[in-house]
Amino acid sequence: MTLALRPLTAVREATRQMARGDAPAPIATTRRDEIGGVADSVNELAQSLQRLEELRRQVTNDVAHELRTPLHNLLGSSKGCATASSRPPPRDCSRHTPSSID
């Protein structure tokens, strides 16, 4: 492989890795021509995709946490209601039965 095509080979490999969902290693190049510009652009793209993936993961974790708390509260309330309905009312609650409210 010639020295002139080495950055293009690295760009091709990096884009294949990104297509598979992998984070490629940065493409090292000292070229300041169009081929070097393409390599730099692919490096920027890889960094942007990595940041987006981190943000997606963080949002997913945050949403899961925010949903977990109300669900646990509902579960606790429903268990409390189920337990309370299977026992007779406490002595101090017996005066508030529906017949005494009339």
Foldseek 3Di string as FASTA:
>chain_A
DDPVCVLVVVLVVQVVCVVVVHQDDQRDDPDPDVSVVSSVVSNVVSVVVVVVVVVVVVVVVVVVVVVVVVVVVVVVVVVVVVVCVVDDDDPVCPCVDPVNVD
